[in-house]
Structures are given as structure tokens and as C-alpha cells.
C-alpha atoms as a PDB file:
ATOM      1  CA  MET A   1     -54.054   2.983   0.511  1.00  0.00           C
ATOM      2  CA  GLU A   2     -52.549   0.768  -2.175  1.00  0.00           C
ATOM      3  CA  ARG A   3     -49.091   1.265  -0.682  1.00  0.00           C
ATOM      4  CA  THR A   4     -50.392   0.332   2.786  1.00  0.00           C
ATOM      5  CA  ASN A   5     -52.004  -2.833   1.409  1.00  0.00           C
ATOM      6  CA  SER A   6     -48.778  -3.734  -0.387  1.00  0.00           C
ATOM      7  CA  ILE A   7     -46.772  -3.372   2.831  1.00  0.00           C
ATOM      8  CA  LEU A   8     -49.359  -5.499   4.669  1.00  0.00           C
ATOM      9  CA  GLY A   9     -49.079  -8.211   2.008  1.00  0.00           C
ATOM     10  CA  HIS A  10     -45.280  -8.264   2.241  1.00  0.00           C
ATOM     11  CA  LEU A  11     -45.345  -8.377   6.056  1.00  0.00           C
ATOM     12  CA  ALA A  12     -47.870 -11.232   6.010  1.00  0.00           C
ATOM     13  CA  CYS A  13     -45.768 -13.315   3.598  1.00  0.00           C
ATOM     14  CA  PHE A  14     -42.482 -12.537   5.343  1.00  0.00           C
ATOM     15  CA  THR A  15     -43.888 -13.529   8.740  1.00  0.00           C
ATOM     16  CA  ALA A  16     -45.500 -16.705   7.397  1.00  0.00           C
ATOM     17  CA  TYR A  17     -42.366 -17.927   5.641  1.00  0.00           C
ATOM     18  CA  THR A  18     -40.205 -17.009   8.640  1.00  0.00           C
ATOM     19  CA  ILE A  19     -42.351 -19.368  10.709  1.00  0.00           C
ATOM     20  CA  PHE A  20     -42.127 -21.960   7.916  1.00  0.00           C
ATOM     21  CA  GLY A  21     -38.337 -21.734   8.245  1.00  0.00           C
ATOM     22  CA  LEU A  22     -38.556 -22.572  11.959  1.00  0.00           C
ATOM     23  CA  ASN A  23     -41.115 -25.238  11.101  1.00  0.00           C
ATOM     24  CA  ILE A  24     -38.483 -27.268   9.224  1.00  0.00           C
ATOM     25  CA  VAL A  25     -36.449 -27.712  12.410  1.00  0.00           C
ATOM     26  CA  VAL A  26     -39.476 -28.503  14.575  1.00  0.00           C
ATOM     27  CA  CYS A  27     -40.989 -31.024  12.152  1.00  0.00           C
ATOM     28  CA  LYS A  28     -37.659 -32.773  11.741  1.00  0.00           C
ATOM     29  CA  ASP A  29     -37.353 -33.176  15.498  1.00  0.00           C
ATOM     30  CA  LEU A  30     -40.928 -34.433  15.901  1.00  0.00           C
ATOM     31  CA  THR A  31     -40.854 -36.951  13.050  1.00  0.00           C
ATOM     32  CA  SER A  32     -37.376 -38.267  13.925  1.00  0.00           C
ATOM     33  CA  SER A  33     -38.501 -38.986  17.494  1.00  0.00           C
ATOM     34  CA  GLY A  34     -40.626 -41.874  16.267  1.00  0.00           C
ATOM     35  CA  ALA A  35     -43.360 -41.007  18.768  1.00  0.00           C
ATOM     36  CA  ILE A  36     -45.849 -40.042  16.080  1.00  0.00           C
ATOM     37  CA  SER A  37     -46.324 -40.814  12.380  1.00  0.00           C
ATOM     38  CA  PRO A  38     -46.468 -38.112   9.691  1.00  0.00           C
ATOM     39  CA  ILE A  39     -50.183 -38.713   9.000  1.00  0.00           C
ATOM     40  CA  ALA A  40     -51.098 -38.463  12.713  1.00  0.00           C
ATOM     41  CA  LEU A  41     -48.999 -35.303  13.029  1.00  0.00           C
ATOM     42  CA  PHE A  42     -50.794 -33.841  10.025  1.00  0.00           C
ATOM     43  CA  THR A  43     -54.209 -34.694  11.481  1.00  0.00           C
ATOM     44  CA  ILE A  44     -53.375 -33.004  14.798  1.00  0.00           C
ATOM     45  CA  ARG A  45     -52.292 -29.895  12.861  1.00  0.00           C
ATOM     46  CA  SER A  46     -55.451 -29.766  10.744  1.00  0.00           C
ATOM     47  CA  LEU A  47     -57.811 -30.500  13.639  1.00  0.00           C
ATOM     48  CA  GLY A  48     -56.139 -27.965  15.939  1.00  0.00           C
ATOM     49  CA  ALA A  49     -55.897 -25.146  13.400  1.00  0.00           C
ATOM     50  CA  GLY A  50     -59.344 -25.940  12.001  1.00  0.00           C
ATOM     51  CA  ALA A  51     -60.908 -25.712  15.474  1.00  0.00           C
ATOM     52  CA  LEU A  52     -59.300 -22.291  15.966  1.00  0.00           C
ATOM     53  CA  PHE A  53     -60.616 -20.994  12.620  1.00  0.00           C
ATOM     54  CA  TRP A  54     -64.156 -22.299  13.317  1.00  0.00           C
ATOM     55  CA  LEU A  55     -64.055 -20.754  16.807  1.00  0.00           C
ATOM     56  CA  ILE A  56     -62.989 -17.343  15.483  1.00  0.00           C
ATOM     57  CA  SER A  57     -65.663 -17.479  12.775  1.00  0.00           C
ATOM     58  CA  LEU A  58     -68.353 -17.496  15.487  1.00  0.00           C
ATOM     59  CA  PHE A  59     -67.382 -13.939  16.419  1.00  0.00           C
ATOM     60  CA  LEU A  60     -67.195 -12.574  12.868  1.00  0.00           C
ATOM     61  CA  PRO A  61     -69.957 -11.475  10.486  1.00  0.00           C
ATOM     62  CA  LYS A  62     -71.558 -14.505   8.854  1.00  0.00           C
ATOM     63  CA  GLN A  63     -70.541 -15.198   5.265  1.00  0.00           C
ATOM     64  CA  SER A  64     -72.088 -18.061   3.330  1.00  0.00           C
ATOM     65  CA  VAL A  65     -69.981 -20.100   0.947  1.00  0.00           C
ATOM     66  CA  GLU A  66     -71.616 -20.702  -2.413  1.00  0.00           C
ATOM     67  CA  ARG A  67     -72.204 -24.388  -3.054  1.00  0.00           C
ATOM     68  CA  ARG A  68     -70.440 -24.213  -6.415  1.00  0.00           C
ATOM     69  CA  ASP A  69     -67.274 -22.985  -4.636  1.00  0.00           C
ATOM     70  CA  LEU A  70     -67.067 -25.908  -2.186  1.00  0.00           C
ATOM     71  CA  PRO A  71     -65.388 -28.225  -4.764  1.00  0.00           C
ATOM     72  CA  LYS A  72     -62.847 -25.460  -5.443  1.00  0.00           C
ATOM     73  CA  ILE A  73     -62.112 -25.046  -1.725  1.00  0.00           C
ATOM     74  CA  PHE A  74     -61.827 -28.832  -1.422  1.00  0.00           C
ATOM     75  CA  ALA A  75     -59.274 -28.876  -4.262  1.00  0.00           C
ATOM     76  CA  ALA A  76     -57.411 -25.983  -2.611  1.00  0.00           C
ATOM     77  CA  SER A  77     -57.349 -27.952   0.640  1.00  0.00           C
ATOM     78  CA  VAL A  78     -55.936 -31.024  -1.105  1.00  0.00           C
ATOM     79  CA  LEU A  79     -53.212 -29.094  -2.943  1.00  0.00           C
ATOM     80  CA  GLY A  80     -52.407 -26.320  -0.497  1.00  0.00           C
ATOM     81  CA  PHE A  81     -52.417 -28.293   2.719  1.00  0.00           C
ATOM     82  CA  PHE A  82     -53.011 -32.061   2.558  1.00  0.00           C
ATOM     83  CA  LEU A  83     -50.644 -33.070  -0.250  1.00  0.00           C
ATOM     84  CA  THR A  84     -48.184 -30.224   0.429  1.00  0.00           C
ATOM     85  CA  GLN A  85     -47.751 -31.036   4.112  1.00  0.00           C
ATOM     86  CA  MET A  86     -47.892 -34.822   3.762  1.00  0.00           C
ATOM     87  CA  CYS A  87     -45.130 -34.741   1.139  1.00  0.00           C
ATOM     88  CA  PHE A  88     -43.069 -32.510   3.428  1.00  0.00           C
ATOM     89  CA  LEU A  89     -43.597 -34.598   6.583  1.00  0.00           C
ATOM     90  CA  MET A  90     -42.733 -37.832   4.778  1.00  0.00           C
ATOM     91  CA  ALA A  91     -39.692 -36.264   3.063  1.00  0.00           C
ATOM     92  CA  ILE A  92     -38.070 -34.487   6.006  1.00  0.00           C
ATOM     93  CA  SER A  93     -36.502 -37.676   7.406  1.00  0.00           C
ATOM     94  CA  ARG A  94     -35.298 -38.768   3.957  1.00  0.00           C
ATOM     95  CA  ILE A  95     -33.457 -35.651   2.804  1.00  0.00           C
ATOM     96  CA  THR A  96     -30.734 -33.344   4.103  1.00  0.00           C
ATOM     97  CA  PRO A  97     -31.670 -29.770   5.052  1.00  0.00           C
ATOM     98  CA  MET A  98     -29.421 -28.440   2.264  1.00  0.00           C
ATOM     99  CA  ASP A  99     -31.099 -30.492  -0.470  1.00  0.00           C
ATOM    100  CA  CYS A 100     -34.516 -29.733   1.008  1.00  0.00           C
ATOM    101  CA  SER A 101     -33.797 -25.990   0.789  1.00  0.00           C
ATOM    102  CA  ILE A 102     -32.534 -26.188  -2.799  1.00  0.00           C
ATOM    103  CA  ILE A 103     -35.636 -28.059  -4.010  1.00  0.00           C
ATOM    104  CA  THR A 104     -37.976 -25.729  -2.099  1.00  0.00           C
ATOM    105  CA  SER A 105     -36.274 -22.770  -3.773  1.00  0.00           C
ATOM    106  CA  LEU A 106     -37.642 -23.945  -7.121  1.00  0.00           C
ATOM    107  CA  SER A 107     -41.210 -23.179  -5.986  1.00  0.00           C
ATOM    108  CA  PRO A 108     -41.317 -19.575  -7.336  1.00  0.00           C
ATOM    109  CA  ILE A 109     -40.316 -20.828 -10.792  1.00  0.00           C
ATOM    110  CA  TYR A 110     -43.173 -23.349 -10.789  1.00  0.00           C
ATOM    111  CA  THR A 111     -45.580 -20.701  -9.504  1.00  0.00           C
ATOM    112  CA  MET A 112     -44.533 -18.133 -12.107  1.00  0.00           C
ATOM    113  CA  PHE A 113     -45.384 -20.426 -15.030  1.00  0.00           C
ATOM    114  CA  ILE A 114     -48.543 -21.822 -13.393  1.00  0.00           C
ATOM    115  CA  ALA A 115     -49.831 -18.293 -12.705  1.00  0.00           C
ATOM    116  CA  ALA A 116     -48.973 -17.246 -16.259  1.00  0.00           C
ATOM    117  CA  TYR A 117     -51.102 -20.116 -17.579  1.00  0.00           C
ATOM    118  CA  ALA A 118     -53.968 -20.146 -15.056  1.00  0.00           C
ATOM    119  CA  LEU A 119     -54.313 -16.439 -14.195  1.00  0.00           C
ATOM    120  CA  LYS A 120     -52.738 -14.926 -17.338  1.00  0.00           C
ATOM    121  CA  GLU A 121     -50.154 -13.244 -15.110  1.00  0.00           C
ATOM    122  CA  PRO A 122     -47.697 -11.548 -17.514  1.00  0.00           C
ATOM    123  CA  LEU A 123     -44.177 -12.941 -17.827  1.00  0.00           C
ATOM    124  CA  SER A 124     -41.886  -9.944 -18.129  1.00  0.00           C
ATOM    125  CA  THR A 125     -38.127 -10.083 -18.540  1.00  0.00           C
ATOM    126  CA  GLN A 126     -37.779  -8.201 -15.269  1.00  0.00           C
ATOM    127  CA  LYS A 127     -39.919 -10.717 -13.393  1.00  0.00           C
ATOM    128  CA  ILE A 128     -38.042 -13.709 -14.794  1.00  0.00           C
ATOM    129  CA  GLY A 129     -34.758 -11.967 -14.010  1.00  0.00           C
ATOM    130  CA  GLY A 130     -35.874 -11.294 -10.422  1.00  0.00           C
ATOM    131  CA  VAL A 131     -36.872 -14.920  -9.838  1.00  0.00           C
ATOM    132  CA  VAL A 132     -33.611 -16.236 -11.310  1.00  0.00           C
ATOM    133  CA  LEU A 133     -31.531 -13.694  -9.355  1.00  0.00           C
ATOM    134  CA  SER A 134     -33.134 -14.713  -6.062  1.00  0.00           C
ATOM    135  CA  LEU A 135     -32.749 -18.400  -6.940  1.00  0.00           C
ATOM    136  CA  CYS A 136     -29.036 -17.895  -7.620  1.00  0.00           C
ATOM    137  CA  GLY A 137     -28.686 -16.037  -4.334  1.00  0.00           C
ATOM    138  CA  ILE A 138     -30.362 -18.731  -2.261  1.00  0.00           C
ATOM    139  CA  ILE A 139     -28.415 -21.576  -3.890  1.00  0.00           C
ATOM    140  CA  TYR A 140     -25.193 -19.613  -3.309  1.00  0.00           C
ATOM    141  CA  LEU A 141     -26.230 -19.135   0.321  1.00  0.00           C
ATOM    142  CA  ILE A 142     -26.984 -22.810   0.827  1.00  0.00           C
ATOM    143  CA  LEU A 143     -23.778 -24.008  -0.821  1.00  0.00           C
ATOM    144  CA  ASN A 144     -21.720 -21.680   1.390  1.00  0.00           C
ATOM    145  CA  SER A 145     -23.465 -22.800   4.574  1.00  0.00           C
ATOM    146  CA  VAL A 146     -22.769 -26.523   4.409  1.00  0.00           C
ATOM    147  CA  THR A 147     -21.178 -28.176   7.391  1.00  0.00           C
ATOM    148  CA  SER A 148     -20.469 -31.885   7.272  1.00  0.00           C
ATOM    149  CA  THR A 149     -21.092 -34.114  10.267  1.00  0.00           C
ATOM    150  CA  ALA A 150     -20.646 -37.809  10.805  1.00  0.00           C
ATOM    151  CA  THR A 151     -24.307 -38.175  11.770  1.00  0.00           C
ATOM    152  CA  ALA A 152     -25.765 -36.312   8.801  1.00  0.00           C
ATOM    153  CA  ILE A 153     -28.569 -38.162   7.041  1.00  0.00           C
ATOM    154  CA  GLU A 154     -28.311 -39.079   3.388  1.00  0.00           C
ATOM    155  CA  THR A 155     -30.687 -37.778   0.746  1.00  0.00           C
ATOM    156  CA  THR A 156     -32.714 -40.539  -0.903  1.00  0.00           C
ATOM    157  CA  PRO A 157     -34.493 -40.479  -4.290  1.00  0.00           C
ATOM    158  CA  VAL A 158     -37.814 -40.843  -2.455  1.00  0.00           C
ATOM    159  CA  GLY A 159     -37.004 -37.790  -0.348  1.00  0.00           C
ATOM    160  CA  VAL A 160     -36.191 -35.740  -3.451  1.00  0.00           C
ATOM    161  CA  LEU A 161     -39.406 -36.790  -5.226  1.00  0.00           C
ATOM    162  CA  LEU A 162     -41.507 -36.019  -2.159  1.00  0.00           C
ATOM    163  CA  MET A 163     -40.005 -32.527  -1.819  1.00  0.00           C
ATOM    164  CA  ILE A 164     -40.580 -31.848  -5.544  1.00  0.00           C
ATOM    165  CA  GLY A 165     -44.187 -32.940  -4.978  1.00  0.00           C
ATOM    166  CA  ASN A 166     -44.375 -30.574  -1.999  1.00  0.00           C
ATOM    167  CA  SER A 167     -43.193 -27.593  -4.061  1.00  0.00           C
ATOM    168  CA  LEU A 168     -45.372 -28.404  -7.068  1.00  0.00           C
ATOM    169  CA  CYS A 169     -48.550 -28.822  -4.996  1.00  0.00           C
ATOM    170  CA  PHE A 170     -48.068 -25.541  -3.140  1.00  0.00           C
ATOM    171  CA  SER A 171     -47.211 -23.749  -6.376  1.00  0.00           C
ATOM    172  CA  LEU A 172     -50.443 -25.028  -7.950  1.00  0.00           C
ATOM    173  CA  TYR A 173     -52.320 -23.798  -4.893  1.00  0.00           C
ATOM    174  CA  LEU A 174     -50.787 -20.319  -5.134  1.00  0.00           C
ATOM    175  CA  GLY A 175     -51.207 -20.087  -8.884  1.00  0.00           C
ATOM    176  CA  ILE A 176     -54.761 -21.395  -9.318  1.00  0.00           C
ATOM    177  CA  PHE A 177     -56.904 -20.476  -6.320  1.00  0.00           C
ATOM    178  CA  LYS A 178     -56.318 -16.735  -5.891  1.00  0.00           C
ATOM    179  CA  PRO A 179     -59.780 -15.817  -7.343  1.00  0.00           C
ATOM    180  CA  THR A 180     -61.564 -18.133  -4.882  1.00  0.00           C
ATOM    181  CA  ILE A 181     -59.478 -16.933  -1.935  1.00  0.00           C
ATOM    182  CA  ALA A 182     -60.170 -13.292  -2.832  1.00  0.00           C
ATOM    183  CA  LYS A 183     -63.913 -13.986  -2.826  1.00  0.00           C
ATOM    184  CA  TYR A 184     -64.139 -14.899   0.863  1.00  0.00           C
ATOM    185  CA  SER A 185     -62.666 -13.735   4.154  1.00  0.00           C
ATOM    186  CA  VAL A 186     -59.501 -15.536   5.228  1.00  0.00           C
ATOM    187  CA  VAL A 187     -61.187 -17.140   8.247  1.00  0.00           C
ATOM    188  CA  ILE A 188     -64.151 -18.464   6.227  1.00  0.00           C
ATOM    189  CA  PHE A 189     -61.911 -19.870   3.502  1.00  0.00           C
ATOM    190  CA  MET A 190     -59.475 -21.517   5.921  1.00  0.00           C
ATOM    191  CA  LYS A 191     -62.094 -23.040   8.229  1.00  0.00           C
ATOM    192  CA  TRP A 192     -63.488 -24.998   5.269  1.00  0.00           C
ATOM    193  CA  THR A 193     -59.984 -25.815   4.032  1.00  0.00           C
ATOM    194  CA  PHE A 194     -59.001 -27.402   7.350  1.00  0.00           C
ATOM    195  CA  LEU A 195     -62.328 -29.180   7.706  1.00  0.00           C
ATOM    196  CA  PHE A 196     -61.762 -30.922   4.371  1.00  0.00           C
ATOM    197  CA  ALA A 197     -58.127 -31.681   5.289  1.00  0.00           C
ATOM    198  CA  SER A 198     -59.189 -33.252   8.586  1.00  0.00           C
ATOM    199  CA  LEU A 199     -61.828 -35.419   6.889  1.00  0.00           C
ATOM    200  CA  LEU A 200     -59.205 -36.595   4.384  1.00  0.00           C
ATOM    201  CA  SER A 201     -56.643 -37.622   7.005  1.00  0.00           C
ATOM    202  CA  LEU A 202     -58.793 -38.958   9.860  1.00  0.00           C
ATOM    203  CA  PRO A 203     -59.527 -42.389   8.314  1.00  0.00           C
ATOM    204  CA  PHE A 204     -55.768 -43.045   8.121  1.00  0.00           C
ATOM    205  CA  SER A 205     -54.818 -41.724  11.570  1.00  0.00           C
ATOM    206  CA  VAL A 206     -57.766 -42.094  13.952  1.00  0.00           C
ATOM    207  CA  LYS A 207     -56.522 -45.429  15.349  1.00  0.00           C
ATOM    208  CA  GLU A 208     -53.071 -44.045  16.144  1.00  0.00           C
ATOM    209  CA  LEU A 209     -54.480 -40.870  17.678  1.00  0.00           C
ATOM    210  CA  PHE A 210     -56.437 -42.942  20.200  1.00  0.00           C
ATOM    211  CA  THR A 211     -53.484 -45.200  21.076  1.00  0.00           C
ATOM    212  CA  ILE A 212     -50.808 -42.518  21.675  1.00  0.00           C
ATOM    213  CA  ASP A 213     -49.880 -42.198  25.361  1.00  0.00           C
ATOM    214  CA  TYR A 214     -50.099 -38.413  25.551  1.00  0.00           C
ATOM    215  CA  ALA A 215     -49.241 -38.352  29.284  1.00  0.00           C
ATOM    216  CA  ALA A 216     -45.878 -39.987  28.550  1.00  0.00           C
ATOM    217  CA  LEU A 217     -44.856 -37.430  25.930  1.00  0.00           C
ATOM    218  CA  PRO A 218     -42.039 -35.128  27.116  1.00  0.00           C
ATOM    219  CA  THR A 219     -42.721 -31.438  27.699  1.00  0.00           C
ATOM    220  CA  SER A 220     -40.458 -30.458  24.799  1.00  0.00           C
ATOM    221  CA  PHE A 221     -42.554 -32.625  22.454  1.00  0.00           C
ATOM    222  CA  ILE A 222     -45.795 -30.987  23.619  1.00  0.00           C
ATOM    223  CA  THR A 223     -44.229 -27.516  23.234  1.00  0.00           C
ATOM    224  CA  GLU A 224     -43.105 -28.271  19.682  1.00  0.00           C
ATOM    225  CA  LEU A 225     -46.531 -29.714  18.875  1.00  0.00           C
ATOM    226  CA  ALA A 226     -48.212 -26.539  20.162  1.00  0.00           C
ATOM    227  CA  PHE A 227     -45.864 -24.417  18.032  1.00  0.00           C
ATOM    228  CA  LEU A 228     -46.703 -26.565  15.018  1.00  0.00           C
ATOM    229  CA  VAL A 229     -50.470 -26.205  15.453  1.00  0.00           C
ATOM    230  CA  ILE A 230     -50.693 -22.565  16.546  1.00  0.00           C
ATOM    231  CA  CYS A 231     -47.783 -20.895  14.753  1.00  0.00           C
ATOM    232  CA  ALA A 232     -46.777 -23.108  11.819  1.00  0.00           C
ATOM    233  CA  THR A 233     -50.354 -23.975  10.833  1.00  0.00           C
ATOM    234  CA  PHE A 234     -52.976 -21.571  12.210  1.00  0.00           C
ATOM    235  CA  ILE A 235     -50.983 -18.315  11.959  1.00  0.00           C
ATOM    236  CA  THR A 236     -49.145 -19.122   8.716  1.00  0.00           C
ATOM    237  CA  TYR A 237     -52.258 -20.320   6.889  1.00  0.00           C
ATOM    238  CA  PHE A 238     -54.023 -17.183   8.082  1.00  0.00           C
ATOM    239  CA  LEU A 239     -51.255 -14.932   6.765  1.00  0.00           C
ATOM    240  CA  ILE A 240     -50.649 -16.634   3.391  1.00  0.00           C
ATOM    241  CA  PRO A 241     -54.187 -15.863   2.077  1.00  0.00           C
ATOM    242  CA  VAL A 242     -53.751 -12.263   3.261  1.00  0.00           C
ATOM    243  CA  GLY A 243     -50.663 -12.039   1.049  1.00  0.00           C
ATOM    244  CA  GLN A 244     -52.458 -13.842  -1.794  1.00  0.00           C
ATOM    245  CA  LYS A 245     -55.264 -11.273  -1.788  1.00  0.00           C
ATOM    246  CA  ILE A 246     -52.792  -8.399  -2.223  1.00  0.00           C
ATOM    247  CA  LEU A 247     -49.690  -9.728  -4.028  1.00  0.00           C
ATOM    248  CA  ARG A 248     -49.248 -11.694  -7.214  1.00  0.00           C
ATOM    249  CA  PRO A 249     -48.767 -15.485  -6.806  1.00  0.00           C
ATOM    250  CA  THR A 250     -45.166 -15.360  -8.089  1.00  0.00           C
ATOM    251  CA  LEU A 251     -44.235 -12.722  -5.517  1.00  0.00           C
ATOM    252  CA  VAL A 252     -45.933 -14.647  -2.694  1.00  0.00           C
ATOM    253  CA  SER A 253     -44.045 -17.815  -3.586  1.00  0.00           C
ATOM    254  CA  MET A 254     -40.727 -15.940  -3.712  1.00  0.00           C
ATOM    255  CA  TYR A 255     -40.934 -15.543   0.047  1.00  0.00           C
ATOM    256  CA  SER A 256     -40.121 -19.259   0.238  1.00  0.00           C
ATOM    257  CA  TYR A 257     -36.546 -18.018  -0.165  1.00  0.00           C
ATOM    258  CA  VAL A 258     -36.824 -16.680   3.387  1.00  0.00           C
ATOM    259  CA  GLN A 259     -36.987 -20.210   4.842  1.00  0.00           C
ATOM    260  CA  PRO A 260     -33.332 -21.236   4.411  1.00  0.00           C
ATOM    261  CA  ILE A 261     -32.198 -17.753   5.439  1.00  0.00           C
ATOM    262  CA  ILE A 262     -34.088 -18.126   8.715  1.00  0.00           C
ATOM    263  CA  ALA A 263     -32.635 -21.598   9.210  1.00  0.00           C
ATOM    264  CA  ILE A 264     -29.118 -20.210   8.855  1.00  0.00           C
ATOM    265  CA  VAL A 265     -29.844 -17.251  11.165  1.00  0.00           C
ATOM    266  CA  VAL A 266     -31.154 -19.651  13.825  1.00  0.00           C
ATOM    267  CA  SER A 267     -28.134 -21.906  13.428  1.00  0.00           C
ATOM    268  CA  ILE A 268     -25.834 -18.888  13.875  1.00  0.00           C
ATOM    269  CA  TYR A 269     -27.746 -17.855  17.008  1.00  0.00           C
ATOM    270  CA  VAL A 270     -27.400 -21.288  18.630  1.00  0.00           C
ATOM    271  CA  GLY A 271     -23.743 -21.531  17.658  1.00  0.00           C
ATOM    272  CA  MET A 272     -24.053 -24.054  14.841  1.00  0.00           C
ATOM    273  CA  ASP A 273     -22.936 -21.635  12.124  1.00  0.00           C
ATOM    274  CA  THR A 274     -21.115 -18.337  11.686  1.00  0.00           C
ATOM    275  CA  LEU A 275     -21.880 -15.186   9.722  1.00  0.00           C
ATOM    276  CA  SER A 276     -19.795 -14.727   6.585  1.00  0.00           C
ATOM    277  CA  TRP A 277     -19.595 -12.258   3.721  1.00  0.00           C
ATOM    278  CA  GLN A 278     -20.930 -14.966   1.379  1.00  0.00           C
ATOM    279  CA  LYS A 279     -24.150 -15.111   3.378  1.00  0.00           C
ATOM    280  CA  VAL A 280     -24.502 -11.333   3.404  1.00  0.00           C
ATOM    281  CA  ILE A 281     -24.067 -11.196  -0.394  1.00  0.00           C
ATOM    282  CA  ALA A 282     -26.555 -14.029  -0.867  1.00  0.00           C
ATOM    283  CA  ALA A 283     -29.173 -12.335   1.326  1.00  0.00           C
ATOM    284  CA  ILE A 284     -28.804  -9.053  -0.604  1.00  0.00           C
ATOM    285  CA  THR A 285     -29.140 -10.967  -3.886  1.00  0.00           C
ATOM    286  CA  VAL A 286     -32.306 -12.735  -2.727  1.00  0.00           C
ATOM    287  CA  PHE A 287     -34.115  -9.594  -1.632  1.00  0.00           C
ATOM    288  CA  THR A 288     -32.984  -7.675  -4.722  1.00  0.00           C
ATOM    289  CA  GLY A 289     -34.773 -10.306  -6.779  1.00  0.00           C
ATOM    290  CA  VAL A 290     -37.923  -9.895  -4.653  1.00  0.00           C
ATOM    291  CA  ILE A 291     -37.807  -6.121  -5.201  1.00  0.00           C
ATOM    292  CA  LEU A 292     -37.442  -6.600  -8.965  1.00  0.00           C
ATOM    293  CA  VAL A 293     -40.526  -8.836  -9.110  1.00  0.00           C
ATOM    294  CA  SER A 294     -42.494  -6.444  -6.892  1.00  0.00           C
ATOM    295  CA  TYR A 295     -41.505  -3.445  -9.056  1.00  0.00           C
ATOM    296  CA  SER A 296     -42.441  -5.297 -12.240  1.00  0.00           C
ATOM    297  CA  ARG A 297     -45.956  -5.701 -10.848  1.00  0.00           C
ATOM    298  CA  LYS A 298     -46.323  -1.969 -10.162  1.00  0.00           C
ATOM    299  CA  LYS A 299     -44.942  -1.124 -13.599  1.00  0.00           C
ATOM    300  CA  ALA A 300     -47.434  -3.474 -15.255  1.00  0.00           C
ATOM    301  CA  ALA A 301     -50.290  -1.933 -13.265  1.00  0.00           C
END
């Protein structure tokens, strides 16, 4: 049973971060179009995913949320979704994909130390070695996948700071709120999370949402928006808590290393990149680190 749960946790995290990898490309295209601002895009995501979670909750056994836990869920919403996604959406047009991937790869290191402090998660040599090994692998992968183009955007200091803020906020979310997430079903926890996120963003975006000419938006824009709401928000934020309930925060965050790998695989598929032995070595290094961290958990148990 424990082995089955462990496999489920790994599959949930792998799937979620695979979608997050595709999400980078989609968000970049949407924000660079100029048709919608980052805050309006965020509000559409939170309203759409929130509506889906509230709808599903109608068909599930009722579970009341204790009043004392509402401030905790509000804080989780601010860190895990509002600040995390707003930093990302504002940064994506101010930073190159390579630099974005490198900064995102620091997330497991933040999470490891936050979880050690907040949840007393033990820091073993094997765990630290696994995190560092995967970090080295992903940086090696990124550095050997760079292609220069005349139209490439430049990384700005603001973009770097926003992406650091993105990683730190999500790491705090993973490292602090596992006990609260474990207390409730995923649907109940996330429906309140997205309700709070929507209430936070609506005052800043409601005017724009009512002035957008939705009929004039191209089909590709609507398709990407649907992917963002259904896949990159609803499905991913359903799967991440599943992984959090089963796996340690450090191990969950290590799946962020999957994002740049997916980006490179997609670029190879569409003919923008080619497979090389450097990428194969880097991928093996990354997943070896994940295995080391996972094994250190079982050994500690």
C-alpha cells in the first residue's frame, strides 16, 4: 500500500510539472501578445479553476473547514498561487527562458531548508547530495541547450528578482502548509484557495475583464487560455496537493527540474533543437538525484 501511494505521489508530481513546463511556453505567448495583462490573466485562471473545484465539490462528501484553518488556507493561497503566479507572469516577458529555468531550479534548495526549519524534515548528506546532483544536471542541460537568435529577449534585473520571488513563494508554500493540506481533501482545500486568490485579484482586474473584446480574440488565443485554466491551473493544482500528501516537500519541489527538460523535449519535437549526448547525461543526472532524495526518505522512515 505504501509503495502504491509513493508511485501515485511521483506520478502526480511528474504530471503536474510536465504541464508546468508547457505552461512556460503558453504564458509567454499570451503575455507577449499584449491582448491581456498579467493580472487579468491570473484572475481568469483563478476564477476558471476555482469554479471547477467548487462544481466538483458539490458531488463529493461534504467536509467543513475549521474556522481557525481559514487564515492558514488564505496564507497558502497568497504564497502558493497569487504571489507565485503573479511573479511568474510579470517576469516571463523580462527574462530569457534559459535564465528563467536556472532560477527556477533553485526552488528545491529553498524548499529543503524551509522544510527543515518549519516541518523539522531531516537534512541528511544523501538528501543534500541528491538535490545538488540534480541541480548540477539541470544547469548542465540548460547550458548545453542554448541557441542564440537575433530576436532573443534580454534578461533584466527586474525579471531576475521576480523569478526569485516566484521560486521563494512556492518553496514557502511547499515547506509550510503540508499539515493543513493533509487535513482536508484536495478539492476542499483548493476550492477555498482559488476563492481567496480570485478575491485578491478581482479589484485590480475587473475593469479590464469587462473591456476585453473576447469575440475579437483569435482561436489560438482562446485555445491557449483554455489550456492555461484547465490544464496548467485546475489539473496541476489538483495534482500538487496529492503529491504533497504523500511525498516530502523537498522531493515534491525537485520535480521542478522536469520543467526545462520538457521545454527542451518540445523544442526538439518542433524542430527547434536536437538531441545530444549532453542532454541524455543531464537527464540521467537529474533523475538520479531525485532517486537519492526519495531513497533517503525511505531510509529515514
